[in-house]
């Protein structure tokens, strides 16, 4: 039996900020939001190109088909692969250059065939440089990350698995909310570190289900 931790959208939002977040997104769409946590740092495995050596402790997922959050442990990664076999659009933050390369040793499918939508990449294409999840979430949503990747590694090594899962799912929730905000408002924000104040990132995202978005997604087929 596959063991996963399942939380509703309301439980995650309530835990994070004492409120309720209602998604206007139809729950039948073949889309997931993904974030993973690792066993090791790049320094510990010998460099920033050693993705496959980092190891996965937990994969956090929000599935629009079920409107549920799941925290999937390493031993149950087959659960994630089973879902990815249906070829969902996989949304993440730096997912193309981190999450998917780290997952590669765990998956039978070729990660290069995954239909990935990378919010960090989308922002970088507009402003010309990388911006972290915390900075974008704080400026756009008014709430940032609950910790950092080193916290996640400490939780894993100290056996605090519930804290690890919550941290991962907090990042999933932020990524999901940024995606929905960008689709609805056609922009995201971050505060510049170079004295330029709040920067607006103009976007042309469309939530799948509209005619324009179906045309865009057909390019991945």
N, C-alpha and C. Protein backbone atom coordinates (compact mmCIF):
# COMPACT_ATOMS: atom_id res chain seq x y z
N UNK A 1 0.85 -1.19 0.00
CA UNK A 1 0.00 0.00 0.00
C UNK A 1 0.89 1.25 0.00
N UNK A 2 0.54 2.21 -0.88
CA UNK A 2 1.29 3.46 -0.95
C UNK A 2 0.80 4.38 0.17
N UNK A 3 1.73 4.92 0.92
CA UNK A 3 1.38 5.81 2.03
C UNK A 3 1.75 7.23 1.65
N UNK A 4 0.77 8.11 1.65
CA UNK A 4 1.02 9.51 1.37
C UNK A 4 0.29 10.34 2.41
N UNK A 5 0.79 11.55 2.60
CA UNK A 5 0.08 12.50 3.46
C UNK A 5 -0.78 13.37 2.57
N UNK A 6 -2.08 13.46 2.85
CA UNK A 6 -3.00 14.21 2.02
C UNK A 6 -3.60 15.33 2.85
N UNK A 7 -3.55 16.55 2.28
CA UNK A 7 -4.10 17.71 2.94
C UNK A 7 -4.98 18.44 1.94
N UNK A 8 -6.07 19.00 2.38
CA UNK A 8 -6.92 19.78 1.49
C UNK A 8 -6.31 21.16 1.29
N UNK A 9 -6.75 21.86 0.22
CA UNK A 9 -6.29 23.22 -0.02
C UNK A 9 -6.57 24.10 1.19
N UNK A 10 -7.74 23.91 1.80
CA UNK A 10 -8.11 24.75 2.94
C UNK A 10 -7.20 24.49 4.13
N UNK A 11 -6.85 23.22 4.37
CA UNK A 11 -5.98 22.90 5.50
C UNK A 11 -4.62 23.57 5.35
N UNK A 12 -4.06 23.52 4.13
CA UNK A 12 -2.74 24.13 3.90
C UNK A 12 -2.81 25.63 4.09
N UNK A 13 -3.83 26.27 3.50
CA UNK A 13 -3.95 27.71 3.60
C UNK A 13 -4.20 28.14 5.04
N UNK A 14 -5.08 27.42 5.73
CA UNK A 14 -5.38 27.76 7.12
C UNK A 14 -4.14 27.65 7.98
N UNK A 15 -3.36 26.60 7.77
CA UNK A 15 -2.15 26.39 8.55
C UNK A 15 -1.15 27.50 8.33
N UNK A 16 -1.08 27.97 7.08
CA UNK A 16 -0.06 28.95 6.74
C UNK A 16 -0.42 30.34 7.21
N UNK A 17 -1.71 30.72 7.10
CA UNK A 17 -2.01 32.11 7.43
C UNK A 17 -3.37 32.33 8.05
N UNK A 18 -3.97 31.25 8.55
CA UNK A 18 -5.20 31.41 9.28
C UNK A 18 -6.40 31.78 8.43
N UNK A 19 -6.32 31.56 7.13
CA UNK A 19 -7.42 31.92 6.25
C UNK A 19 -7.74 30.80 5.29
N UNK A 20 -8.67 31.07 4.40
CA UNK A 20 -9.09 30.08 3.41
C UNK A 20 -8.81 30.60 2.02
N UNK A 21 -8.25 29.76 1.19
CA UNK A 21 -8.01 30.11 -0.20
C UNK A 21 -8.92 29.27 -1.07
N UNK A 22 -9.75 29.90 -1.87
CA UNK A 22 -10.63 29.18 -2.77
C UNK A 22 -10.09 29.32 -4.18
N UNK A 23 -9.82 28.21 -4.84
CA UNK A 23 -9.34 28.24 -6.21
C UNK A 23 -10.51 28.26 -7.16
N UNK A 24 -10.44 29.18 -8.16
CA UNK A 24 -11.48 29.24 -9.18
C UNK A 24 -11.18 28.28 -10.32
N UNK A 25 -10.10 27.52 -10.19
CA UNK A 25 -9.66 26.65 -11.25
C UNK A 25 -10.49 25.37 -11.29
N UNK A 26 -11.03 24.99 -12.46
CA UNK A 26 -11.77 23.72 -12.55
C UNK A 26 -10.89 22.56 -12.13
N UNK A 27 -11.43 21.61 -11.33
CA UNK A 27 -10.60 20.55 -10.78
C UNK A 27 -10.43 19.37 -11.72
N UNK A 28 -10.98 19.48 -12.96
CA UNK A 28 -10.85 18.36 -13.88
C UNK A 28 -9.61 18.45 -14.74
N UNK A 29 -8.88 19.54 -14.67
CA UNK A 29 -7.75 19.74 -15.56
C UNK A 29 -6.58 18.83 -15.21
N UNK A 30 -5.86 18.42 -16.21
CA UNK A 30 -4.72 17.52 -16.02
C UNK A 30 -3.46 18.34 -15.73
N UNK A 31 -3.41 18.87 -14.51
CA UNK A 31 -2.31 19.73 -14.08
C UNK A 31 -1.92 19.35 -12.66
N UNK A 32 -0.62 19.32 -12.40
CA UNK A 32 -0.14 19.17 -11.03
C UNK A 32 0.90 20.25 -10.75
N UNK A 33 1.03 20.60 -9.48
CA UNK A 33 2.10 21.49 -9.02
C UNK A 33 3.06 20.64 -8.21
N UNK A 34 4.35 20.78 -8.47
CA UNK A 34 5.35 19.87 -7.89
C UNK A 34 6.50 20.62 -7.24
N UNK A 35 6.93 20.10 -6.10
CA UNK A 35 8.15 20.59 -5.44
C UNK A 35 8.78 19.41 -4.72
N UNK A 36 10.10 19.33 -4.74
CA UNK A 36 10.78 18.23 -4.05
C UNK A 36 11.80 18.77 -3.04
N UNK A 37 12.09 17.94 -2.03
CA UNK A 37 13.14 18.24 -1.06
C UNK A 37 14.21 17.15 -1.16
N UNK A 38 15.44 17.50 -0.81
CA UNK A 38 16.55 16.58 -1.03
C UNK A 38 17.23 16.14 0.27
N UNK A 39 18.01 15.06 0.16
CA UNK A 39 18.75 14.53 1.30
C UNK A 39 20.05 15.29 1.55
N UNK A 40 20.63 15.81 0.47
CA UNK A 40 21.96 16.42 0.56
C UNK A 40 21.97 17.79 -0.10
N UNK A 41 22.99 18.59 0.22
CA UNK A 41 23.24 19.85 -0.46
C UNK A 41 24.18 19.60 -1.63
N UNK A 42 24.29 20.58 -2.51
CA UNK A 42 25.23 20.47 -3.63
C UNK A 42 26.66 20.32 -3.12
N UNK A 43 27.02 21.04 -2.07
CA UNK A 43 28.37 20.95 -1.52
C UNK A 43 28.68 19.53 -1.06
N UNK A 44 27.69 18.86 -0.50
CA UNK A 44 27.89 17.52 0.03
C UNK A 44 28.06 16.47 -1.06
N UNK A 45 27.52 16.74 -2.26
CA UNK A 45 27.63 15.75 -3.33
C UNK A 45 28.68 16.11 -4.37
N UNK A 46 29.38 17.24 -4.16
CA UNK A 46 30.52 17.55 -5.03
C UNK A 46 30.30 18.52 -6.16
N UNK A 47 29.22 19.32 -6.10
CA UNK A 47 29.05 20.34 -7.12
C UNK A 47 27.61 20.53 -7.55
N UNK A 48 27.38 21.67 -8.20
CA UNK A 48 26.02 22.05 -8.57
C UNK A 48 25.52 21.34 -9.82
N UNK A 49 26.34 20.45 -10.38
CA UNK A 49 25.89 19.67 -11.52
C UNK A 49 25.55 18.23 -11.13
N UNK A 50 25.59 17.93 -9.85
CA UNK A 50 25.37 16.56 -9.37
C UNK A 50 23.92 16.36 -8.91
N UNK A 51 22.99 16.73 -9.74
CA UNK A 51 21.57 16.66 -9.36
C UNK A 51 21.15 15.25 -8.96
N UNK A 52 21.60 14.27 -9.72
CA UNK A 52 21.12 12.91 -9.50
C UNK A 52 21.65 12.30 -8.21
N UNK A 53 22.63 12.97 -7.58
CA UNK A 53 23.18 12.48 -6.31
C UNK A 53 22.52 13.10 -5.10
N UNK A 54 21.65 14.08 -5.30
CA UNK A 54 21.06 14.80 -4.17
C UNK A 54 20.06 13.95 -3.40
N UNK A 55 19.36 13.06 -4.07
CA UNK A 55 18.38 12.20 -3.40
C UNK A 55 17.11 12.95 -3.02
N UNK A 56 15.98 12.28 -3.09
CA UNK A 56 14.70 12.89 -2.75
C UNK A 56 14.23 12.38 -1.39
N UNK A 57 13.82 13.28 -0.52
CA UNK A 57 13.21 12.89 0.75
C UNK A 57 11.70 12.87 0.63
N UNK A 58 11.16 13.89 -0.02
CA UNK A 58 9.71 13.99 -0.18
C UNK A 58 9.40 14.79 -1.43
N UNK A 59 8.34 14.41 -2.11
CA UNK A 59 7.82 15.17 -3.25
C UNK A 59 6.45 15.72 -2.86
N UNK A 60 6.29 17.02 -2.93
CA UNK A 60 5.02 17.64 -2.62
C UNK A 60 4.25 17.90 -3.90
N UNK A 61 2.97 17.58 -3.91
CA UNK A 61 2.15 17.70 -5.11
C UNK A 61 0.80 18.32 -4.77
N UNK A 62 0.36 19.24 -5.62
CA UNK A 62 -1.05 19.63 -5.63
C UNK A 62 -1.61 19.14 -6.96
N UNK A 63 -2.71 18.41 -6.92
CA UNK A 63 -3.31 17.83 -8.12
C UNK A 63 -4.65 18.52 -8.39
N UNK A 64 -4.74 19.22 -9.52
CA UNK A 64 -5.98 19.90 -9.86
C UNK A 64 -7.11 18.91 -10.16
N UNK A 65 -6.77 17.68 -10.48
CA UNK A 65 -7.80 16.68 -10.77
C UNK A 65 -8.56 16.26 -9.52
N UNK A 66 -7.89 16.36 -8.36
CA UNK A 66 -8.51 15.94 -7.11
C UNK A 66 -8.67 17.09 -6.11
N UNK A 67 -8.04 18.23 -6.40
CA UNK A 67 -8.01 19.37 -5.47
C UNK A 67 -7.40 18.98 -4.14
N UNK A 68 -6.39 18.10 -4.17
CA UNK A 68 -5.73 17.62 -2.96
C UNK A 68 -4.22 17.88 -3.01
N UNK A 69 -3.66 18.10 -1.82
CA UNK A 69 -2.21 18.14 -1.64
C UNK A 69 -1.74 16.78 -1.16
N UNK A 70 -0.60 16.33 -1.65
CA UNK A 70 0.00 15.08 -1.18
C UNK A 70 1.49 15.29 -0.92
N UNK A 71 1.98 14.71 0.16
CA UNK A 71 3.42 14.68 0.44
C UNK A 71 3.87 13.24 0.31
N UNK A 72 4.61 12.93 -0.73
CA UNK A 72 4.96 11.56 -1.07
C UNK A 72 6.42 11.28 -0.67
N UNK A 73 6.63 10.30 0.18
CA UNK A 73 7.97 9.97 0.62
C UNK A 73 8.76 9.24 -0.47
N UNK A 74 10.07 9.21 -0.31
CA UNK A 74 10.96 8.62 -1.31
C UNK A 74 10.55 7.20 -1.70
N UNK A 75 10.20 6.40 -0.73
CA UNK A 75 9.88 4.99 -1.00
C UNK A 75 8.59 4.83 -1.80
N UNK A 76 7.82 5.91 -1.90
CA UNK A 76 6.54 5.85 -2.60
C UNK A 76 6.52 6.68 -3.88
N UNK A 77 7.71 7.00 -4.41
CA UNK A 77 7.79 7.85 -5.60
C UNK A 77 7.04 7.24 -6.78
N UNK A 78 6.85 5.93 -6.78
CA UNK A 78 6.07 5.30 -7.86
C UNK A 78 4.68 5.91 -7.96
N UNK A 79 4.16 6.41 -6.84
CA UNK A 79 2.86 7.08 -6.83
C UNK A 79 2.90 8.31 -7.72
N UNK A 80 4.00 9.06 -7.64
CA UNK A 80 4.16 10.25 -8.47
C UNK A 80 4.31 9.86 -9.93
N UNK A 81 5.11 8.84 -10.20
CA UNK A 81 5.31 8.42 -11.59
C UNK A 81 4.00 7.94 -12.21
N UNK A 82 3.18 7.27 -11.42
CA UNK A 82 1.88 6.81 -11.91
C UNK A 82 1.04 8.00 -12.35
N UNK A 83 1.08 9.07 -11.56
CA UNK A 83 0.31 10.28 -11.92
C UNK A 83 0.91 10.94 -13.16
N UNK A 84 2.22 10.98 -13.25
CA UNK A 84 2.87 11.64 -14.38
C UNK A 84 2.70 10.86 -15.68
N UNK A 85 2.33 9.59 -15.59
CA UNK A 85 2.10 8.79 -16.79
C UNK A 85 0.92 9.31 -17.60
N UNK A 86 0.04 10.08 -16.95
CA UNK A 86 -1.10 10.65 -17.66
C UNK A 86 -0.73 11.95 -18.37
N UNK A 87 0.55 12.28 -18.35
CA UNK A 87 1.10 13.45 -19.05
C UNK A 87 0.45 14.77 -18.64
N UNK A 88 0.46 15.04 -17.34
CA UNK A 88 -0.09 16.33 -16.89
C UNK A 88 0.86 17.47 -17.23
N UNK A 89 0.35 18.67 -17.23
CA UNK A 89 1.20 19.84 -17.21
C UNK A 89 1.74 19.94 -15.79
N UNK A 90 3.07 19.98 -15.63
CA UNK A 90 3.69 20.00 -14.30
C UNK A 90 4.23 21.40 -14.03
N UNK A 91 3.66 22.05 -13.05
CA UNK A 91 4.04 23.42 -12.72
C UNK A 91 4.99 23.41 -11.54
N UNK A 92 6.03 24.23 -11.61
CA UNK A 92 6.96 24.32 -10.50
C UNK A 92 7.72 25.62 -10.53
N UNK A 93 8.59 25.80 -9.57
CA UNK A 93 9.44 26.99 -9.48
C UNK A 93 10.88 26.51 -9.54
N UNK A 94 11.53 26.75 -10.68
CA UNK A 94 12.85 26.20 -10.99
C UNK A 94 12.78 24.69 -11.21
N UNK A 95 11.65 24.23 -11.67
CA UNK A 95 11.41 22.80 -11.84
C UNK A 95 12.26 22.19 -12.95
N UNK A 96 12.55 22.96 -14.00
CA UNK A 96 13.30 22.40 -15.12
C UNK A 96 14.78 22.19 -14.78
N UNK A 97 15.32 23.04 -13.93
CA UNK A 97 16.75 22.97 -13.63
C UNK A 97 17.04 22.45 -12.23
N UNK A 98 16.00 22.01 -11.53
CA UNK A 98 16.24 21.41 -10.21
C UNK A 98 15.36 20.19 -9.97
N UNK A 99 14.08 20.39 -9.78
CA UNK A 99 13.20 19.29 -9.36
C UNK A 99 13.23 18.11 -10.33
N UNK A 100 13.06 18.37 -11.61
CA UNK A 100 13.03 17.26 -12.57
C UNK A 100 14.38 16.57 -12.70
N UNK A 101 15.50 17.29 -12.79
CA UNK A 101 16.80 16.60 -12.82
C UNK A 101 17.07 15.76 -11.57
N UNK A 102 16.62 16.24 -10.40
CA UNK A 102 16.82 15.47 -9.16
C UNK A 102 15.96 14.21 -9.18
N UNK A 103 14.77 14.31 -9.76
CA UNK A 103 13.86 13.16 -9.81
C UNK A 103 14.28 12.12 -10.85
N UNK A 104 15.11 12.49 -11.78
CA UNK A 104 15.43 11.62 -12.92
C UNK A 104 15.78 10.19 -12.53
N UNK A 105 16.64 9.94 -11.53
CA UNK A 105 16.99 8.54 -11.19
C UNK A 105 15.82 7.72 -10.66
N UNK A 106 14.76 8.38 -10.23
CA UNK A 106 13.62 7.69 -9.64
C UNK A 106 12.54 7.33 -10.65
N UNK A 107 12.61 7.89 -11.84
CA UNK A 107 11.53 7.77 -12.80
C UNK A 107 11.93 6.92 -14.00
N UNK A 108 11.00 6.13 -14.48
CA UNK A 108 11.21 5.37 -15.70
C UNK A 108 10.96 6.24 -16.93
N UNK A 109 10.09 7.22 -16.78
CA UNK A 109 9.83 8.12 -17.90
C UNK A 109 11.00 9.07 -18.07
N UNK A 110 11.21 9.55 -19.27
CA UNK A 110 12.28 10.49 -19.55
C UNK A 110 11.82 11.89 -19.15
N UNK A 111 12.55 12.52 -18.25
CA UNK A 111 12.10 13.81 -17.73
C UNK A 111 12.06 14.88 -18.81
N UNK A 112 12.83 14.70 -19.87
CA UNK A 112 12.84 15.69 -20.95
C UNK A 112 11.51 15.72 -21.70
N UNK A 113 10.68 14.68 -21.52
CA UNK A 113 9.38 14.63 -22.19
C UNK A 113 8.26 15.21 -21.33
N UNK A 114 8.57 15.56 -20.10
CA UNK A 114 7.56 16.11 -19.19
C UNK A 114 7.15 17.50 -19.67
N UNK A 115 5.85 17.75 -19.71
CA UNK A 115 5.33 19.07 -20.05
C UNK A 115 5.46 19.95 -18.81
N UNK A 116 6.52 20.71 -18.73
CA UNK A 116 6.82 21.49 -17.53
C UNK A 116 6.60 22.97 -17.77
N UNK A 117 6.00 23.62 -16.78
CA UNK A 117 5.81 25.07 -16.79
C UNK A 117 6.57 25.61 -15.60
N UNK A 118 7.66 26.33 -15.87
CA UNK A 118 8.59 26.77 -14.83
C UNK A 118 8.39 28.26 -14.57
N UNK A 119 7.84 28.60 -13.41
CA UNK A 119 7.56 29.99 -13.09
C UNK A 119 8.84 30.81 -13.01
N UNK A 120 9.90 30.24 -12.42
CA UNK A 120 11.16 30.97 -12.36
C UNK A 120 11.67 31.29 -13.76
N UNK A 121 11.61 30.34 -14.64
CA UNK A 121 12.06 30.54 -16.02
C UNK A 121 11.23 31.61 -16.71
N UNK A 122 9.92 31.58 -16.48
CA UNK A 122 9.04 32.58 -17.09
C UNK A 122 9.42 33.99 -16.63
N UNK A 123 9.70 34.15 -15.34
CA UNK A 123 10.10 35.46 -14.81
C UNK A 123 11.45 35.87 -15.38
N UNK A 124 12.39 34.93 -15.40
CA UNK A 124 13.73 35.21 -15.91
C UNK A 124 13.67 35.65 -17.38
N UNK A 125 12.78 35.07 -18.15
CA UNK A 125 12.65 35.45 -19.55
C UNK A 125 12.21 36.90 -19.72
N UNK A 126 11.52 37.42 -18.70
CA UNK A 126 11.03 38.80 -18.77
C UNK A 126 12.06 39.78 -18.23
N UNK A 127 12.63 39.47 -17.05
CA UNK A 127 13.50 40.46 -16.38
C UNK A 127 14.98 40.21 -16.62
N UNK A 128 15.36 39.04 -17.14
CA UNK A 128 16.75 38.78 -17.49
C UNK A 128 17.61 38.18 -16.41
N UNK A 129 17.02 37.86 -15.25
CA UNK A 129 17.80 37.22 -14.17
C UNK A 129 16.86 36.42 -13.30
N UNK A 130 17.45 35.54 -12.49
CA UNK A 130 16.67 34.65 -11.63
C UNK A 130 16.14 35.38 -10.39
N UNK A 131 14.96 35.00 -9.96
CA UNK A 131 14.34 35.52 -8.75
C UNK A 131 13.84 34.34 -7.94
N UNK A 132 14.06 34.36 -6.63
CA UNK A 132 13.66 33.25 -5.79
C UNK A 132 12.16 33.24 -5.47
N UNK A 133 11.68 32.07 -5.10
CA UNK A 133 10.27 31.91 -4.75
C UNK A 133 9.86 32.83 -3.62
N UNK A 134 10.69 32.95 -2.60
CA UNK A 134 10.34 33.76 -1.43
C UNK A 134 10.10 35.21 -1.81
N UNK A 135 10.97 35.77 -2.65
CA UNK A 135 10.85 37.17 -3.04
C UNK A 135 9.58 37.42 -3.84
N UNK A 136 9.26 36.52 -4.75
CA UNK A 136 8.07 36.70 -5.58
C UNK A 136 6.81 36.51 -4.75
N UNK A 137 6.81 35.52 -3.88
CA UNK A 137 5.63 35.25 -3.05
C UNK A 137 5.35 36.41 -2.09
N UNK A 138 6.38 36.94 -1.47
CA UNK A 138 6.18 38.05 -0.53
C UNK A 138 5.58 39.26 -1.22
N UNK A 139 6.12 39.61 -2.39
CA UNK A 139 5.66 40.81 -3.08
C UNK A 139 4.30 40.61 -3.73
N UNK A 140 4.02 39.39 -4.19
CA UNK A 140 2.78 39.14 -4.92
C UNK A 140 1.65 38.70 -4.01
N UNK A 141 1.93 37.81 -3.09
CA UNK A 141 0.89 37.20 -2.25
C UNK A 141 0.85 37.76 -0.83
N UNK A 142 1.92 38.46 -0.44
CA UNK A 142 1.98 38.99 0.92
C UNK A 142 2.40 37.96 1.95
N UNK A 143 2.92 36.82 1.50
CA UNK A 143 3.39 35.76 2.41
C UNK A 143 4.53 35.03 1.75
N UNK A 144 5.61 34.79 2.51
CA UNK A 144 6.78 34.13 1.95
C UNK A 144 6.91 32.69 2.40
N UNK A 145 8.06 32.10 2.11
CA UNK A 145 8.35 30.72 2.46
C UNK A 145 8.39 30.55 3.98
N UNK A 146 8.16 29.32 4.41
CA UNK A 146 8.19 29.01 5.84
C UNK A 146 9.57 28.59 6.32
N UNK A 147 10.55 28.57 5.42
CA UNK A 147 11.92 28.20 5.77
C UNK A 147 12.74 28.14 4.50
N UNK A 148 13.82 27.35 4.52
CA UNK A 148 14.62 27.18 3.32
C UNK A 148 15.02 25.71 3.17
N UNK A 149 15.73 25.42 2.08
CA UNK A 149 16.09 24.04 1.79
C UNK A 149 16.93 23.39 2.86
N UNK A 150 17.74 24.16 3.54
CA UNK A 150 18.56 23.60 4.62
C UNK A 150 17.69 23.16 5.79
N UNK A 151 16.61 23.90 6.03
CA UNK A 151 15.67 23.48 7.07
C UNK A 151 15.09 22.12 6.73
N UNK A 152 14.74 21.93 5.46
CA UNK A 152 14.15 20.66 5.02
C UNK A 152 15.12 19.50 5.23
N UNK A 153 16.39 19.72 4.95
CA UNK A 153 17.40 18.68 5.15
C UNK A 153 17.55 18.36 6.63
N UNK A 154 17.52 19.40 7.47
CA UNK A 154 17.61 19.19 8.92
C UNK A 154 16.41 18.40 9.43
N UNK A 155 15.22 18.73 8.93
CA UNK A 155 14.03 18.00 9.36
C UNK A 155 14.17 16.51 9.01
N UNK A 156 14.67 16.24 7.82
CA UNK A 156 14.83 14.85 7.38
C UNK A 156 15.82 14.11 8.27
N UNK A 157 16.95 14.74 8.53
CA UNK A 157 18.01 14.07 9.29
C UNK A 157 17.65 13.91 10.77
N UNK A 158 16.79 14.75 11.28
CA UNK A 158 16.37 14.63 12.68
C UNK A 158 15.09 13.81 12.83
N UNK A 159 14.59 13.29 11.70
CA UNK A 159 13.40 12.46 11.76
C UNK A 159 12.09 13.22 11.93
N UNK A 160 12.13 14.53 11.70
CA UNK A 160 10.91 15.34 11.84
C UNK A 160 10.16 15.36 10.50
N UNK A 161 9.62 14.24 10.13
CA UNK A 161 9.04 14.06 8.80
C UNK A 161 7.78 14.89 8.61
N UNK A 162 6.98 15.05 9.64
CA UNK A 162 5.77 15.87 9.52
C UNK A 162 6.14 17.33 9.21
N UNK A 163 7.19 17.84 9.86
CA UNK A 163 7.65 19.20 9.59
C UNK A 163 8.19 19.30 8.16
N UNK A 164 8.90 18.27 7.74
CA UNK A 164 9.45 18.24 6.38
C UNK A 164 8.32 18.31 5.35
N UNK A 165 7.29 17.49 5.56
CA UNK A 165 6.17 17.47 4.61
C UNK A 165 5.44 18.81 4.59
N UNK A 166 5.23 19.38 5.75
CA UNK A 166 4.54 20.67 5.81
C UNK A 166 5.34 21.75 5.10
N UNK A 167 6.66 21.77 5.32
CA UNK A 167 7.52 22.75 4.64
C UNK A 167 7.41 22.60 3.13
N UNK A 168 7.49 21.38 2.64
CA UNK A 168 7.42 21.13 1.21
C UNK A 168 6.07 21.56 0.65
N UNK A 169 4.99 21.21 1.34
CA UNK A 169 3.66 21.56 0.85
C UNK A 169 3.39 23.06 0.94
N UNK A 170 4.04 23.75 1.88
CA UNK A 170 3.95 25.20 1.91
C UNK A 170 4.50 25.79 0.61
N UNK A 171 5.62 25.26 0.13
CA UNK A 171 6.19 25.73 -1.13
C UNK A 171 5.28 25.39 -2.31
N UNK A 172 4.67 24.22 -2.27
CA UNK A 172 3.73 23.85 -3.32
C UNK A 172 2.56 24.83 -3.36
N UNK A 173 2.05 25.16 -2.17
CA UNK A 173 0.92 26.09 -2.10
C UNK A 173 1.29 27.45 -2.66
N UNK A 174 2.47 27.97 -2.30
CA UNK A 174 2.91 29.27 -2.83
C UNK A 174 3.04 29.22 -4.35
N UNK A 175 3.62 28.14 -4.86
CA UNK A 175 3.79 28.01 -6.30
C UNK A 175 2.45 27.97 -7.01
N UNK A 176 1.52 27.21 -6.46
CA UNK A 176 0.17 27.13 -7.01
C UNK A 176 -0.50 28.50 -7.03
N UNK A 177 -0.41 29.21 -5.92
CA UNK A 177 -1.07 30.51 -5.84
C UNK A 177 -0.43 31.53 -6.77
N UNK A 178 0.88 31.47 -6.95
CA UNK A 178 1.55 32.36 -7.91
C UNK A 178 1.10 32.06 -9.33
N UNK A 179 0.99 30.78 -9.65
CA UNK A 179 0.53 30.39 -10.98
C UNK A 179 -0.88 30.92 -11.24
N UNK A 180 -1.77 30.74 -10.29
CA UNK A 180 -3.14 31.20 -10.46
C UNK A 180 -3.22 32.72 -10.50
N UNK A 181 -2.43 33.39 -9.68
CA UNK A 181 -2.41 34.86 -9.69
C UNK A 181 -1.91 35.36 -11.04
N UNK A 182 -0.84 34.74 -11.55
CA UNK A 182 -0.29 35.18 -12.84
C UNK A 182 -1.26 34.96 -13.98
N UNK A 183 -1.99 33.85 -13.95
CA UNK A 183 -2.98 33.59 -15.00
C UNK A 183 -4.13 34.59 -14.94
N UNK A 184 -4.56 34.92 -13.73
CA UNK A 184 -5.70 35.81 -13.57
C UNK A 184 -5.34 37.27 -13.82
N UNK A 185 -4.18 37.70 -13.30
CA UNK A 185 -3.82 39.12 -13.32
C UNK A 185 -2.77 39.50 -14.35
N UNK A 186 -2.20 38.49 -15.00
CA UNK A 186 -1.20 38.71 -16.06
C UNK A 186 0.06 39.41 -15.56
N UNK A 187 0.38 39.23 -14.29
CA UNK A 187 1.59 39.83 -13.75
C UNK A 187 1.91 39.22 -12.41
N UNK A 188 3.19 39.30 -12.04
CA UNK A 188 3.70 38.97 -10.72
C UNK A 188 4.59 40.11 -10.29
N UNK A 189 5.03 40.09 -9.02
CA UNK A 189 5.86 41.16 -8.50
C UNK A 189 7.04 40.60 -7.70
N UNK A 190 8.08 41.41 -7.59
CA UNK A 190 9.14 41.15 -6.63
C UNK A 190 9.80 42.48 -6.29
N UNK A 191 10.44 42.55 -5.14
CA UNK A 191 11.14 43.76 -4.72
C UNK A 191 12.59 43.67 -5.13
N UNK A 192 13.05 44.66 -5.88
CA UNK A 192 14.41 44.66 -6.41
C UNK A 192 15.44 44.80 -5.30
N UNK A 193 16.54 44.08 -5.45
CA UNK A 193 17.67 44.21 -4.53
C UNK A 193 18.60 45.34 -4.97
N UNK A 194 18.27 45.97 -6.08
CA UNK A 194 19.17 46.98 -6.66
C UNK A 194 18.57 48.38 -6.60
N UNK A 195 17.71 48.62 -5.61
CA UNK A 195 17.17 49.95 -5.39
C UNK A 195 16.13 50.40 -6.39
N UNK A 196 15.51 49.47 -7.10
CA UNK A 196 14.51 49.84 -8.10
C UNK A 196 13.08 49.69 -7.57
N UNK A 197 12.96 49.41 -6.29
CA UNK A 197 11.63 49.27 -5.71
C UNK A 197 10.92 48.01 -6.16
N UNK A 198 9.62 48.05 -6.17
CA UNK A 198 8.83 46.88 -6.57
C UNK A 198 8.79 46.77 -8.09
N UNK A 199 9.14 45.60 -8.57
CA UNK A 199 9.20 45.35 -10.01
C UNK A 199 7.97 44.56 -10.44
N UNK A 200 7.34 44.97 -11.51
CA UNK A 200 6.21 44.27 -12.08
C UNK A 200 6.68 43.39 -13.23
N UNK A 201 6.32 42.12 -13.18
CA UNK A 201 6.66 41.18 -14.24
C UNK A 201 5.38 40.94 -15.05
N UNK A 202 5.31 41.49 -16.23
CA UNK A 202 4.12 41.34 -17.06
C UNK A 202 4.15 40.00 -17.79
N UNK A 203 3.01 39.32 -17.78
CA UNK A 203 2.94 37.96 -18.30
C UNK A 203 1.75 37.82 -19.25
N UNK A 204 1.77 36.74 -20.04
CA UNK A 204 0.64 36.44 -20.92
C UNK A 204 0.09 35.04 -20.66
N UNK A 205 0.15 34.61 -19.41
CA UNK A 205 -0.30 33.27 -19.05
C UNK A 205 -1.81 33.15 -19.21
N UNK A 206 -2.23 31.95 -19.58
CA UNK A 206 -3.65 31.63 -19.66
C UNK A 206 -3.91 30.32 -18.92
N UNK A 207 -4.92 30.31 -18.09
CA UNK A 207 -5.30 29.08 -17.40
C UNK A 207 -5.87 28.10 -18.41
N UNK A 208 -5.39 26.86 -18.46
CA UNK A 208 -5.96 25.87 -19.38
C UNK A 208 -7.47 25.80 -19.24
N UNK A 209 -8.14 25.67 -20.39
CA UNK A 209 -9.59 25.68 -20.42
C UNK A 209 -10.11 26.78 -21.30
N UNK A 210 -9.25 27.83 -21.52
CA UNK A 210 -9.61 28.88 -22.46
C UNK A 210 -9.12 28.49 -23.84
N UNK A 211 -9.68 29.09 -24.86
CA UNK A 211 -9.29 28.76 -26.24
C UNK A 211 -7.82 29.05 -26.47
N UNK A 212 -7.34 30.20 -25.96
CA UNK A 212 -5.95 30.58 -26.17
C UNK A 212 -5.01 29.59 -25.50
N UNK A 213 -5.36 29.17 -24.28
CA UNK A 213 -4.47 28.26 -23.56
C UNK A 213 -4.44 26.89 -24.22
N UNK A 214 -5.57 26.45 -24.78
CA UNK A 214 -5.56 25.16 -25.47
C UNK A 214 -4.62 25.19 -26.66
N UNK A 215 -4.59 26.34 -27.36
CA UNK A 215 -3.67 26.47 -28.49
C UNK A 215 -2.23 26.43 -28.02
N UNK A 216 -1.94 27.10 -26.87
CA UNK A 216 -0.59 27.10 -26.34
C UNK A 216 -0.16 25.71 -25.90
N UNK A 217 -1.05 25.00 -25.19
CA UNK A 217 -0.70 23.68 -24.69
C UNK A 217 -0.56 22.67 -25.81
N UNK A 218 -1.22 22.90 -26.95
CA UNK A 218 -1.10 21.97 -28.07
C UNK A 218 0.31 21.91 -28.61
N UNK A 219 1.09 22.96 -28.33
CA UNK A 219 2.48 22.97 -28.77
C UNK A 219 3.31 21.92 -28.06
N UNK A 220 2.86 21.50 -26.85
CA UNK A 220 3.59 20.48 -26.10
C UNK A 220 3.27 19.08 -26.58
N UNK A 221 2.19 18.91 -27.34
CA UNK A 221 1.71 17.59 -27.72
C UNK A 221 2.63 16.91 -28.74
